[in-house]
Structure formats: C-alpha cells, structure tokens
N, C-alpha and C. Protein backbone atom coordinates (compact mmCIF):
# COMPACT_ATOMS: atom_id res chain seq x y z
N UNK A 1 -127.41 5.25 -160.09
CA UNK A 1 -126.16 5.84 -159.63
C UNK A 1 -125.77 6.95 -160.61
N UNK A 2 -125.42 8.10 -160.09
CA UNK A 2 -125.05 9.22 -160.94
C UNK A 2 -123.55 9.35 -160.99
N UNK A 3 -123.06 9.87 -162.09
CA UNK A 3 -121.63 10.11 -162.19
C UNK A 3 -121.35 11.50 -161.65
N UNK A 4 -120.29 11.60 -160.91
CA UNK A 4 -119.94 12.90 -160.35
C UNK A 4 -118.69 13.43 -161.03
N UNK A 5 -118.68 14.70 -161.20
CA UNK A 5 -117.55 15.37 -161.81
C UNK A 5 -116.64 15.85 -160.69
N UNK A 6 -115.35 15.57 -160.75
CA UNK A 6 -114.45 16.05 -159.70
C UNK A 6 -114.54 17.57 -159.57
N UNK A 7 -114.59 18.03 -158.37
CA UNK A 7 -114.75 19.46 -158.12
C UNK A 7 -113.43 20.21 -158.06
N UNK A 8 -112.32 19.52 -158.08
CA UNK A 8 -111.03 20.21 -157.99
C UNK A 8 -110.76 20.64 -156.56
N UNK A 9 -109.82 21.50 -156.42
CA UNK A 9 -109.44 21.98 -155.10
C UNK A 9 -110.41 23.04 -154.62
N UNK A 10 -110.63 23.04 -153.33
CA UNK A 10 -111.43 24.10 -152.71
C UNK A 10 -110.44 25.13 -152.16
N UNK A 11 -110.27 26.23 -152.86
CA UNK A 11 -109.26 27.21 -152.50
C UNK A 11 -109.79 28.31 -151.60
N UNK A 12 -111.01 28.17 -151.14
CA UNK A 12 -111.53 29.16 -150.21
C UNK A 12 -111.07 28.82 -148.81
N UNK A 13 -110.94 29.83 -148.01
CA UNK A 13 -110.47 29.63 -146.64
C UNK A 13 -111.67 29.64 -145.71
N UNK A 14 -111.66 28.75 -144.72
CA UNK A 14 -112.77 28.75 -143.77
C UNK A 14 -112.77 30.03 -142.95
N UNK A 15 -113.92 30.42 -142.51
CA UNK A 15 -114.04 31.62 -141.69
C UNK A 15 -113.40 31.32 -140.34
N UNK A 16 -112.52 32.20 -139.94
CA UNK A 16 -111.79 32.02 -138.69
C UNK A 16 -112.64 32.47 -137.52
N UNK A 17 -112.76 31.60 -136.53
CA UNK A 17 -113.46 31.96 -135.32
C UNK A 17 -112.51 32.72 -134.41
N UNK A 18 -113.07 33.57 -133.56
CA UNK A 18 -112.24 34.39 -132.68
C UNK A 18 -111.36 33.57 -131.76
N UNK A 19 -111.84 32.39 -131.35
CA UNK A 19 -111.08 31.60 -130.39
C UNK A 19 -110.08 30.65 -131.06
N UNK A 20 -110.06 30.61 -132.39
CA UNK A 20 -109.10 29.77 -133.10
C UNK A 20 -107.76 30.49 -133.20
N UNK A 21 -106.69 29.70 -133.09
CA UNK A 21 -105.36 30.29 -133.30
C UNK A 21 -105.13 30.43 -134.79
N UNK A 22 -104.32 31.42 -135.15
CA UNK A 22 -103.97 31.59 -136.56
C UNK A 22 -103.08 30.43 -136.99
N UNK A 23 -103.29 29.98 -138.20
CA UNK A 23 -102.51 28.89 -138.77
C UNK A 23 -101.02 29.28 -138.78
N UNK A 24 -100.14 28.37 -138.35
CA UNK A 24 -98.70 28.69 -138.34
C UNK A 24 -98.16 29.07 -139.72
N UNK A 25 -98.68 28.44 -140.76
CA UNK A 25 -98.23 28.80 -142.11
C UNK A 25 -98.63 30.23 -142.45
N UNK A 26 -99.86 30.60 -142.10
CA UNK A 26 -100.30 31.97 -142.33
C UNK A 26 -99.44 32.96 -141.55
N UNK A 27 -99.07 32.61 -140.32
CA UNK A 27 -98.20 33.47 -139.53
C UNK A 27 -96.84 33.65 -140.21
N UNK A 28 -96.29 32.56 -140.70
CA UNK A 28 -94.99 32.60 -141.37
C UNK A 28 -95.05 33.49 -142.61
N UNK A 29 -96.08 33.32 -143.41
CA UNK A 29 -96.21 34.11 -144.63
C UNK A 29 -96.41 35.58 -144.31
N UNK A 30 -97.21 35.87 -143.29
CA UNK A 30 -97.43 37.26 -142.89
C UNK A 30 -96.13 37.90 -142.42
N UNK A 31 -95.37 37.20 -141.59
CA UNK A 31 -94.09 37.74 -141.10
C UNK A 31 -93.08 37.90 -142.22
N UNK A 32 -93.19 37.11 -143.26
CA UNK A 32 -92.21 37.16 -144.35
C UNK A 32 -92.33 38.43 -145.18
N UNK A 33 -93.50 39.06 -145.14
CA UNK A 33 -93.73 40.21 -145.99
C UNK A 33 -94.24 39.81 -147.37
N UNK A 34 -94.56 38.54 -147.54
CA UNK A 34 -95.00 38.02 -148.85
C UNK A 34 -96.49 37.70 -148.87
N UNK A 35 -97.24 38.21 -147.93
CA UNK A 35 -98.66 37.87 -147.85
C UNK A 35 -99.43 38.32 -149.09
N UNK A 36 -99.10 39.48 -149.64
CA UNK A 36 -99.83 39.97 -150.81
C UNK A 36 -99.62 39.05 -152.01
N UNK A 37 -98.40 38.59 -152.23
CA UNK A 37 -98.17 37.70 -153.37
C UNK A 37 -98.77 36.32 -153.11
N UNK A 38 -98.79 35.88 -151.86
CA UNK A 38 -99.45 34.61 -151.52
C UNK A 38 -100.96 34.72 -151.78
N UNK A 39 -101.53 35.84 -151.39
CA UNK A 39 -102.95 36.07 -151.63
C UNK A 39 -103.25 36.07 -153.13
N UNK A 40 -102.35 36.65 -153.93
CA UNK A 40 -102.53 36.67 -155.38
C UNK A 40 -102.55 35.25 -155.94
N UNK A 41 -101.70 34.37 -155.42
CA UNK A 41 -101.70 32.97 -155.85
C UNK A 41 -103.04 32.33 -155.48
N UNK A 42 -103.49 32.56 -154.25
CA UNK A 42 -104.77 31.99 -153.82
C UNK A 42 -105.93 32.48 -154.67
N UNK A 43 -105.93 33.76 -154.97
CA UNK A 43 -107.01 34.33 -155.79
C UNK A 43 -106.99 33.73 -157.20
N UNK A 44 -105.81 33.60 -157.77
CA UNK A 44 -105.68 33.03 -159.11
C UNK A 44 -106.16 31.58 -159.11
N UNK A 45 -105.75 30.82 -158.11
CA UNK A 45 -106.17 29.43 -158.03
C UNK A 45 -107.67 29.31 -157.84
N UNK A 46 -108.25 30.21 -157.07
CA UNK A 46 -109.70 30.19 -156.89
C UNK A 46 -110.40 30.48 -158.21
N UNK A 47 -109.82 31.37 -158.99
CA UNK A 47 -110.44 31.75 -160.26
C UNK A 47 -110.27 30.66 -161.33
N UNK A 48 -109.05 30.17 -161.50
CA UNK A 48 -108.77 29.25 -162.60
C UNK A 48 -108.73 27.78 -162.21
N UNK A 49 -108.47 27.48 -160.95
CA UNK A 49 -108.33 26.11 -160.45
C UNK A 49 -107.36 25.30 -161.31
N UNK A 50 -106.30 25.97 -161.73
CA UNK A 50 -105.27 25.34 -162.57
C UNK A 50 -103.97 26.10 -162.33
N UNK A 51 -103.04 25.45 -161.66
CA UNK A 51 -101.79 26.13 -161.30
C UNK A 51 -101.02 26.61 -162.52
N UNK A 52 -101.22 25.98 -163.64
CA UNK A 52 -100.51 26.39 -164.86
C UNK A 52 -100.93 27.78 -165.32
N UNK A 53 -102.15 28.15 -165.02
CA UNK A 53 -102.65 29.48 -165.37
C UNK A 53 -102.10 30.56 -164.44
N UNK A 54 -101.53 30.14 -163.31
CA UNK A 54 -101.12 31.08 -162.26
C UNK A 54 -99.61 31.18 -162.10
N UNK A 55 -98.87 30.79 -163.10
CA UNK A 55 -97.41 30.79 -162.99
C UNK A 55 -96.80 32.16 -162.69
N UNK A 56 -97.29 33.27 -163.25
CA UNK A 56 -96.71 34.57 -162.87
C UNK A 56 -96.86 34.86 -161.38
N UNK A 57 -98.02 34.53 -160.82
CA UNK A 57 -98.26 34.75 -159.39
C UNK A 57 -97.41 33.81 -158.54
N UNK A 58 -97.30 32.56 -158.97
CA UNK A 58 -96.48 31.58 -158.25
C UNK A 58 -95.02 32.03 -158.26
N UNK A 59 -94.53 32.49 -159.40
CA UNK A 59 -93.14 32.94 -159.50
C UNK A 59 -92.89 34.16 -158.63
N UNK A 60 -93.83 35.09 -158.60
CA UNK A 60 -93.67 36.28 -157.76
C UNK A 60 -93.62 35.89 -156.29
N UNK A 61 -94.46 34.95 -155.88
CA UNK A 61 -94.44 34.49 -154.49
C UNK A 61 -93.13 33.78 -154.19
N UNK A 62 -92.68 32.94 -155.11
CA UNK A 62 -91.41 32.22 -154.93
C UNK A 62 -90.25 33.21 -154.79
N UNK A 63 -90.23 34.23 -155.65
CA UNK A 63 -89.16 35.23 -155.60
C UNK A 63 -89.19 35.98 -154.27
N UNK A 64 -90.38 36.34 -153.82
CA UNK A 64 -90.52 37.05 -152.55
C UNK A 64 -90.01 36.20 -151.40
N UNK A 65 -90.42 34.94 -151.35
CA UNK A 65 -90.00 34.06 -150.26
C UNK A 65 -88.49 33.80 -150.32
N UNK A 66 -87.94 33.67 -151.51
CA UNK A 66 -86.49 33.45 -151.64
C UNK A 66 -85.72 34.65 -151.12
N UNK A 67 -86.19 35.84 -151.46
CA UNK A 67 -85.53 37.06 -150.97
C UNK A 67 -85.64 37.15 -149.46
N UNK A 68 -86.79 36.80 -148.92
CA UNK A 68 -86.97 36.84 -147.47
C UNK A 68 -86.05 35.84 -146.78
N UNK A 69 -85.93 34.65 -147.34
CA UNK A 69 -85.05 33.64 -146.76
C UNK A 69 -83.60 34.08 -146.81
N UNK A 70 -83.20 34.75 -147.87
CA UNK A 70 -81.82 35.25 -147.97
C UNK A 70 -81.58 36.31 -146.91
N UNK A 71 -82.55 37.21 -146.71
CA UNK A 71 -82.42 38.23 -145.65
C UNK A 71 -82.32 37.57 -144.28
N UNK A 72 -83.12 36.55 -144.07
CA UNK A 72 -83.11 35.85 -142.78
C UNK A 72 -81.76 35.17 -142.54
N UNK A 73 -81.22 34.52 -143.58
CA UNK A 73 -79.90 33.88 -143.44
C UNK A 73 -78.83 34.91 -143.10
N UNK A 74 -78.87 36.07 -143.77
CA UNK A 74 -77.90 37.13 -143.50
C UNK A 74 -78.02 37.61 -142.06
N UNK A 75 -79.24 37.79 -141.60
CA UNK A 75 -79.46 38.24 -140.21
C UNK A 75 -78.94 37.21 -139.21
N UNK A 76 -79.21 35.94 -139.45
CA UNK A 76 -78.72 34.90 -138.55
C UNK A 76 -77.20 34.84 -138.56
N UNK A 77 -76.59 35.02 -139.73
CA UNK A 77 -75.13 35.02 -139.83
C UNK A 77 -74.54 36.20 -139.05
N UNK A 78 -75.15 37.38 -139.18
CA UNK A 78 -74.68 38.55 -138.43
C UNK A 78 -74.77 38.30 -136.92
N UNK A 79 -75.87 37.73 -136.48
CA UNK A 79 -76.04 37.45 -135.05
C UNK A 79 -75.00 36.44 -134.57
N UNK A 80 -74.74 35.43 -135.39
CA UNK A 80 -73.75 34.42 -135.04
C UNK A 80 -72.37 35.06 -134.93
N UNK A 81 -72.04 35.95 -135.86
CA UNK A 81 -70.73 36.61 -135.83
C UNK A 81 -70.62 37.54 -134.62
N UNK A 82 -71.71 38.24 -134.29
CA UNK A 82 -71.70 39.12 -133.12
C UNK A 82 -71.52 38.32 -131.84
N UNK A 83 -72.18 37.19 -131.75
CA UNK A 83 -72.07 36.33 -130.56
C UNK A 83 -70.66 35.78 -130.45
N UNK A 84 -70.08 35.38 -131.56
CA UNK A 84 -68.71 34.84 -131.56
C UNK A 84 -67.71 35.92 -131.16
N UNK A 85 -67.91 37.14 -131.59
CA UNK A 85 -67.00 38.25 -131.28
C UNK A 85 -67.06 38.62 -129.81
N UNK A 86 -68.20 38.38 -129.17
CA UNK A 86 -68.35 38.74 -127.75
C UNK A 86 -67.72 37.73 -126.83
N UNK A 87 -67.47 36.53 -127.31
CA UNK A 87 -66.92 35.48 -126.44
C UNK A 87 -65.46 35.34 -126.60
C-alpha cells in the first residue's frame, strides 16, 4: 500500500461544451463587472494553492462585489421609490 499526498484543490475549470448552460455563479460574476478580479483569484489559487498567498486578489474581488451590491441596492431602492410615487 502506498501513501498518497493530498493534491489540494483542483482550481482548473472543466472545458465547457457548447450544449452546457453557463454556471449561474459565473453568470452572476460576469454581470457584476467583477469577472477580472474573480479570474485573478482563480489564477492565484491555481498557482499557489493557498488562499493566504492570494489575499490581495481576494480583497480586490470582495471590494468589487461589495461595490456592485451597493449599486444594486441603490437601483432597487430607486425603482421602489418610483413605483411608490406612481401609485
């Protein structure tokens, strides 16, 4: 019996077939405008396989998503106020 060394996370993405739907998470990230920073996190994790080494990329992605969520909340609030004003 041989001892195996844990391989860690597999951070590569499977090749997408034409007939497969895009992952909902990927759709969300793409629509958020944060795809580049998400890709940077993925690339860093693929290289280092240690999230501690990737904290600048993780923080940039977190900041981007937080800003996007704030914009989304503001937009929803504006729509709610417009709908209320019309009734």
